[in-house]
Every structure is written in structure tokens, then in C-alpha cells.
Amino acid sequence: MLDLQNAKSELLGGKFTCVLFHDGETFSSSLRGVAPLLGFLDSGRDFRAFCAADKVVGKGAAFLYVLLGVRALFAHVISESALEVLRRAAVSVEFDTLVPYIKNRTGEGRCPIEQAVLEAEDATKALPLIRARLKELQKR
């Protein structure tokens, strides 16, 4: 899949945390966490034909990629629960490293976004959980 390889090349070039690519059109971000994915989602743009590449994909990010409708994803690091979400949604997935869960930024526990959606099974139900956790984190 050429679009996936192009997204992966852009990501591995080192400047970005995530890249969406389709037919010569690129959307990318250097923001951390799920912020860029929420930005893409909130833009209202149709990303269904796009392929994506991301440095770290936890379950929350996986749900957002499902909502974006990407057809394929490369992740440098992906959690087991994220891989399950993507496979259930029939998103083609390639990755370098599979981990039990994504660690928080201090490395001492689970990522707060992944924790927020731990029990979620549906992307549309996960979205408000992700937004609520981000609001909580911003207040701290």
C-alpha cells in the first residue's frame, strides 16, 4: 500500500508524531497524545481513504482512528487493546512494537487516555470518555 508507506516515511523522518496520507495529500502533526487526532476529527474532513502512521497508539487513539475511518495504520508502538480495536474495525495494521499497555508520561502507570477507555467497546461511546479525561487533565 503506497499511501501507508508514504505516511510511514513521513513519520519516520522524525518531525511528526502522526501523519495521514492519501493520494499525495498529507496531514501531519507534532502534537503529543490524542490531540492531533481530535483536531483531525473535529475538522469535519473525510479521512476514510487515508492511511495513517503514528508513533504511539493506545486504545483511545485506536478508537479515534476508527472514527476517522482510516483504512490502514502503521504504529511504531501499539498496545494490545489498540490492536484489538483496530482489527475488529477491519483496519489494516502494521507495527514495530506491541506492548501490553501504553505507559503514562512518567512511565509509572497506564496512559490516562487508555485508562479512560479501558472498558469501552465502541468508538462512539469512547469519544466522550476521551474528551472528558482530556478536560480533567487540562485542569490539573
C-alpha atoms as a PDB file:
ATOM      1  CA  MET A   1       0.000   0.000   0.000  1.00  0.00           C
ATOM      2  CA  LEU A   2       1.781   3.079  -1.265  1.00  0.00           C
ATOM      3  CA  ASP A   3      -0.223   5.547   0.881  1.00  0.00           C
ATOM      4  CA  LEU A   4       0.758   3.653   4.034  1.00  0.00           C
ATOM      5  CA  GLN A   5       4.416   3.589   3.019  1.00  0.00           C
ATOM      6  CA  ASN A   6       4.328   7.346   2.344  1.00  0.00           C
ATOM      7  CA  ALA A   7       2.724   8.040   5.735  1.00  0.00           C
ATOM      8  CA  LYS A   8       5.304   5.802   7.412  1.00  0.00           C
ATOM      9  CA  SER A   9       8.206   7.546   5.626  1.00  0.00           C
ATOM     10  CA  GLU A  10       6.927  10.957   6.749  1.00  0.00           C
ATOM     11  CA  LEU A  11       6.585   9.744  10.337  1.00  0.00           C
ATOM     12  CA  LEU A  12       9.981   8.082  10.468  1.00  0.00           C
ATOM     13  CA  GLY A  13      11.557  11.244   9.050  1.00  0.00           C
ATOM     14  CA  GLY A  14      11.408  12.390  12.659  1.00  0.00           C
ATOM     15  CA  LYS A  15       9.424  15.636  12.541  1.00  0.00           C
ATOM     16  CA  PHE A  16       5.947  14.368  13.298  1.00  0.00           C
ATOM     17  CA  THR A  17       4.036  12.319  15.869  1.00  0.00           C
ATOM     18  CA  CYS A  18       1.324  11.313  13.386  1.00  0.00           C
ATOM     19  CA  VAL A  19       0.722  11.525   9.654  1.00  0.00           C
ATOM     20  CA  LEU A  20      -2.344  10.921   7.468  1.00  0.00           C
ATOM     21  CA  PHE A  21      -1.676  10.367   3.774  1.00  0.00           C
ATOM     22  CA  HIS A  22      -3.780   9.699   0.686  1.00  0.00           C
ATOM     23  CA  ASP A  23      -3.097  10.220  -2.986  1.00  0.00           C
ATOM     24  CA  GLY A  24      -0.377  12.846  -2.483  1.00  0.00           C
ATOM     25  CA  GLU A  25      -2.267  14.734   0.232  1.00  0.00           C
ATOM     26  CA  THR A  26      -0.650  14.838   3.677  1.00  0.00           C
ATOM     27  CA  PHE A  27      -1.941  15.935   7.073  1.00  0.00           C
ATOM     28  CA  SER A  28       0.561  15.795   9.908  1.00  0.00           C
ATOM     29  CA  SER A  29       1.123  16.966  13.460  1.00  0.00           C
ATOM     30  CA  SER A  30       3.894  17.251  16.003  1.00  0.00           C
ATOM     31  CA  LEU A  31       1.457  17.449  18.925  1.00  0.00           C
ATOM     32  CA  ARG A  32       1.583  14.677  21.513  1.00  0.00           C
ATOM     33  CA  GLY A  33      -1.129  12.321  22.644  1.00  0.00           C
ATOM     34  CA  VAL A  34      -4.558  12.213  21.009  1.00  0.00           C
ATOM     35  CA  ALA A  35      -4.747  15.993  20.416  1.00  0.00           C
ATOM     36  CA  PRO A  36      -3.901  15.796  16.704  1.00  0.00           C
ATOM     37  CA  LEU A  37      -6.457  13.039  16.128  1.00  0.00           C
ATOM     38  CA  LEU A  38      -9.182  15.051  17.833  1.00  0.00           C
ATOM     39  CA  GLY A  39      -8.190  18.017  15.665  1.00  0.00           C
ATOM     40  CA  PHE A  40      -8.491  15.929  12.508  1.00  0.00           C
ATOM     41  CA  LEU A  41     -11.820  14.541  13.708  1.00  0.00           C
ATOM     42  CA  ASP A  42     -13.190  17.970  14.635  1.00  0.00           C
ATOM     43  CA  SER A  43     -12.157  19.400  11.243  1.00  0.00           C
ATOM     44  CA  GLY A  44     -15.096  17.579   9.657  1.00  0.00           C
ATOM     45  CA  ARG A  45     -12.893  16.409   6.788  1.00  0.00           C
ATOM     46  CA  ASP A  46     -13.448  12.953   5.335  1.00  0.00           C
ATOM     47  CA  PHE A  47     -10.376  10.787   6.037  1.00  0.00           C
ATOM     48  CA  ARG A  48     -11.914   7.442   5.012  1.00  0.00           C
ATOM     49  CA  ALA A  49      -9.500   6.815   2.134  1.00  0.00           C
ATOM     50  CA  PHE A  50      -6.420   7.825   4.148  1.00  0.00           C
ATOM     51  CA  CYS A  51      -3.661   5.725   5.657  1.00  0.00           C
ATOM     52  CA  ALA A  52      -2.012   6.780   8.911  1.00  0.00           C
ATOM     53  CA  ALA A  53       1.285   6.450  10.708  1.00  0.00           C
ATOM     54  CA  ASP A  54       1.700   7.223  14.405  1.00  0.00           C
ATOM     55  CA  LYS A  55       4.479   6.935  16.960  1.00  0.00           C
ATOM     56  CA  VAL A  56       2.318   5.607  19.822  1.00  0.00           C
ATOM     57  CA  VAL A  57      -1.183   4.140  19.551  1.00  0.00           C
ATOM     58  CA  GLY A  58      -3.137   3.202  22.657  1.00  0.00           C
ATOM     59  CA  LYS A  59      -6.760   2.144  22.829  1.00  0.00           C
ATOM     60  CA  GLY A  60      -8.033   5.747  22.871  1.00  0.00           C
ATOM     61  CA  ALA A  61      -6.077   6.648  19.732  1.00  0.00           C
ATOM     62  CA  ALA A  62      -7.260   3.426  18.083  1.00  0.00           C
ATOM     63  CA  PHE A  63     -10.889   4.432  18.686  1.00  0.00           C
ATOM     64  CA  LEU A  64     -10.163   7.859  17.161  1.00  0.00           C
ATOM     65  CA  TYR A  65      -8.576   6.280  14.088  1.00  0.00           C
ATOM     66  CA  VAL A  66     -11.695   4.131  13.726  1.00  0.00           C
ATOM     67  CA  LEU A  67     -13.866   7.263  13.918  1.00  0.00           C
ATOM     68  CA  LEU A  68     -11.640   8.941  11.314  1.00  0.00           C
ATOM     69  CA  GLY A  69     -12.195   5.933   9.084  1.00  0.00           C
ATOM     70  CA  VAL A  70      -8.569   5.340   8.099  1.00  0.00           C
ATOM     71  CA  ARG A  71      -8.091   2.164   6.086  1.00  0.00           C
ATOM     72  CA  ALA A  72      -4.585   1.300   7.268  1.00  0.00           C
ATOM     73  CA  LEU A  73      -2.277   2.288  10.105  1.00  0.00           C
ATOM     74  CA  PHE A  74       1.390   1.918  10.951  1.00  0.00           C
ATOM     75  CA  ALA A  75       2.344   2.355  14.625  1.00  0.00           C
ATOM     76  CA  HIS A  76       5.850   2.456  15.995  1.00  0.00           C
ATOM     77  CA  VAL A  77       4.410   1.304  19.357  1.00  0.00           C
ATOM     78  CA  ILE A  78       0.894  -0.091  19.811  1.00  0.00           C
ATOM     79  CA  SER A  79      -0.924  -1.558  22.804  1.00  0.00           C
ATOM     80  CA  GLU A  80      -2.630  -4.939  22.709  1.00  0.00           C
ATOM     81  CA  SER A  81      -6.051  -3.367  23.295  1.00  0.00           C
ATOM     82  CA  ALA A  82      -5.480  -0.825  20.495  1.00  0.00           C
ATOM     83  CA  LEU A  83      -4.549  -3.596  18.083  1.00  0.00           C
ATOM     84  CA  GLU A  84      -7.728  -5.446  19.019  1.00  0.00           C
ATOM     85  CA  VAL A  85      -9.896  -2.333  18.417  1.00  0.00           C
ATOM     86  CA  LEU A  86      -8.345  -1.735  15.007  1.00  0.00           C
ATOM     87  CA  ARG A  87      -8.571  -5.345  13.887  1.00  0.00           C
ATOM     88  CA  ARG A  88     -12.237  -5.517  14.955  1.00  0.00           C
ATOM     89  CA  ALA A  89     -12.871  -2.445  12.796  1.00  0.00           C
ATOM     90  CA  ALA A  90     -11.070  -4.099   9.836  1.00  0.00           C
ATOM     91  CA  VAL A  91      -8.264  -1.516   9.783  1.00  0.00           C
ATOM     92  CA  SER A  92      -5.080  -2.994   8.328  1.00  0.00           C
ATOM     93  CA  VAL A  93      -2.313  -2.609  10.940  1.00  0.00           C
ATOM     94  CA  GLU A  94       1.478  -2.750  10.809  1.00  0.00           C
ATOM     95  CA  PHE A  95       3.647  -2.057  13.852  1.00  0.00           C
ATOM     96  CA  ASP A  96       7.168  -2.252  15.214  1.00  0.00           C
ATOM     97  CA  THR A  97       6.499  -2.928  18.900  1.00  0.00           C
ATOM     98  CA  LEU A  98       3.453  -4.472  20.618  1.00  0.00           C
ATOM     99  CA  VAL A  99       3.124  -3.676  24.330  1.00  0.00           C
ATOM    100  CA  PRO A 100       0.558  -4.767  26.951  1.00  0.00           C
ATOM    101  CA  TYR A 101      -0.461  -1.125  27.503  1.00  0.00           C
ATOM    102  CA  ILE A 102       0.764   2.413  26.862  1.00  0.00           C
ATOM    103  CA  LYS A 103       2.556   3.931  29.842  1.00  0.00           C
ATOM    104  CA  ASN A 104       1.854   7.425  31.112  1.00  0.00           C
ATOM    105  CA  ARG A 105       4.461  10.150  30.547  1.00  0.00           C
ATOM    106  CA  THR A 106       6.200   9.426  33.860  1.00  0.00           C
ATOM    107  CA  GLY A 107       6.406   5.731  32.990  1.00  0.00           C
ATOM    108  CA  GLU A 108       4.831   4.797  36.327  1.00  0.00           C
ATOM    109  CA  GLY A 109       1.383   3.680  35.195  1.00  0.00           C
ATOM    110  CA  ARG A 110      -1.084   3.390  32.347  1.00  0.00           C
ATOM    111  CA  CYS A 111      -1.687   6.279  29.939  1.00  0.00           C
ATOM    112  CA  PRO A 112      -4.665   8.284  31.274  1.00  0.00           C
ATOM    113  CA  ILE A 113      -6.475   8.196  27.918  1.00  0.00           C
ATOM    114  CA  GLU A 114      -6.059   4.446  27.596  1.00  0.00           C
ATOM    115  CA  GLN A 115      -7.236   4.123  31.208  1.00  0.00           C
ATOM    116  CA  ALA A 116     -10.336   6.219  30.434  1.00  0.00           C
ATOM    117  CA  VAL A 117     -11.452   3.877  27.647  1.00  0.00           C
ATOM    118  CA  LEU A 118     -10.284   0.626  29.209  1.00  0.00           C
ATOM    119  CA  GLU A 119     -13.816  -0.821  29.421  1.00  0.00           C
ATOM    120  CA  ALA A 120     -15.144   0.831  26.230  1.00  0.00           C
ATOM    121  CA  GLU A 121     -16.015  -1.410  23.310  1.00  0.00           C
ATOM    122  CA  ASP A 122     -17.431   1.149  20.870  1.00  0.00           C
ATOM    123  CA  ALA A 123     -15.664   4.141  19.290  1.00  0.00           C
ATOM    124  CA  THR A 124     -18.667   6.476  19.510  1.00  0.00           C
ATOM    125  CA  LYS A 125     -19.009   5.749  23.232  1.00  0.00           C
ATOM    126  CA  ALA A 126     -15.254   6.146  23.749  1.00  0.00           C
ATOM    127  CA  LEU A 127     -15.138   9.664  22.270  1.00  0.00           C
ATOM    128  CA  PRO A 128     -16.904  11.447  25.175  1.00  0.00           C
ATOM    129  CA  LEU A 129     -14.737   9.480  27.642  1.00  0.00           C
ATOM    130  CA  ILE A 130     -11.603  10.714  25.866  1.00  0.00           C
ATOM    131  CA  ARG A 131     -12.814  14.315  25.806  1.00  0.00           C
ATOM    132  CA  ALA A 132     -13.776  14.198  29.489  1.00  0.00           C
ATOM    133  CA  ARG A 133     -10.377  12.804  30.515  1.00  0.00           C
ATOM    134  CA  LEU A 134      -8.574  15.484  28.499  1.00  0.00           C
ATOM    135  CA  LYS A 135     -10.605  18.207  30.224  1.00  0.00           C
ATOM    136  CA  GLU A 136      -9.693  16.667  33.583  1.00  0.00           C
ATOM    137  CA  LEU A 137      -6.010  16.600  32.672  1.00  0.00           C
ATOM    138  CA  GLN A 138      -6.057  20.222  31.461  1.00  0.00           C
ATOM    139  CA  LYS A 139      -7.487  21.380  34.812  1.00  0.00           C
ATOM    140  CA  ARG A 140      -4.524  19.905  36.713  1.00  0.00           C
END
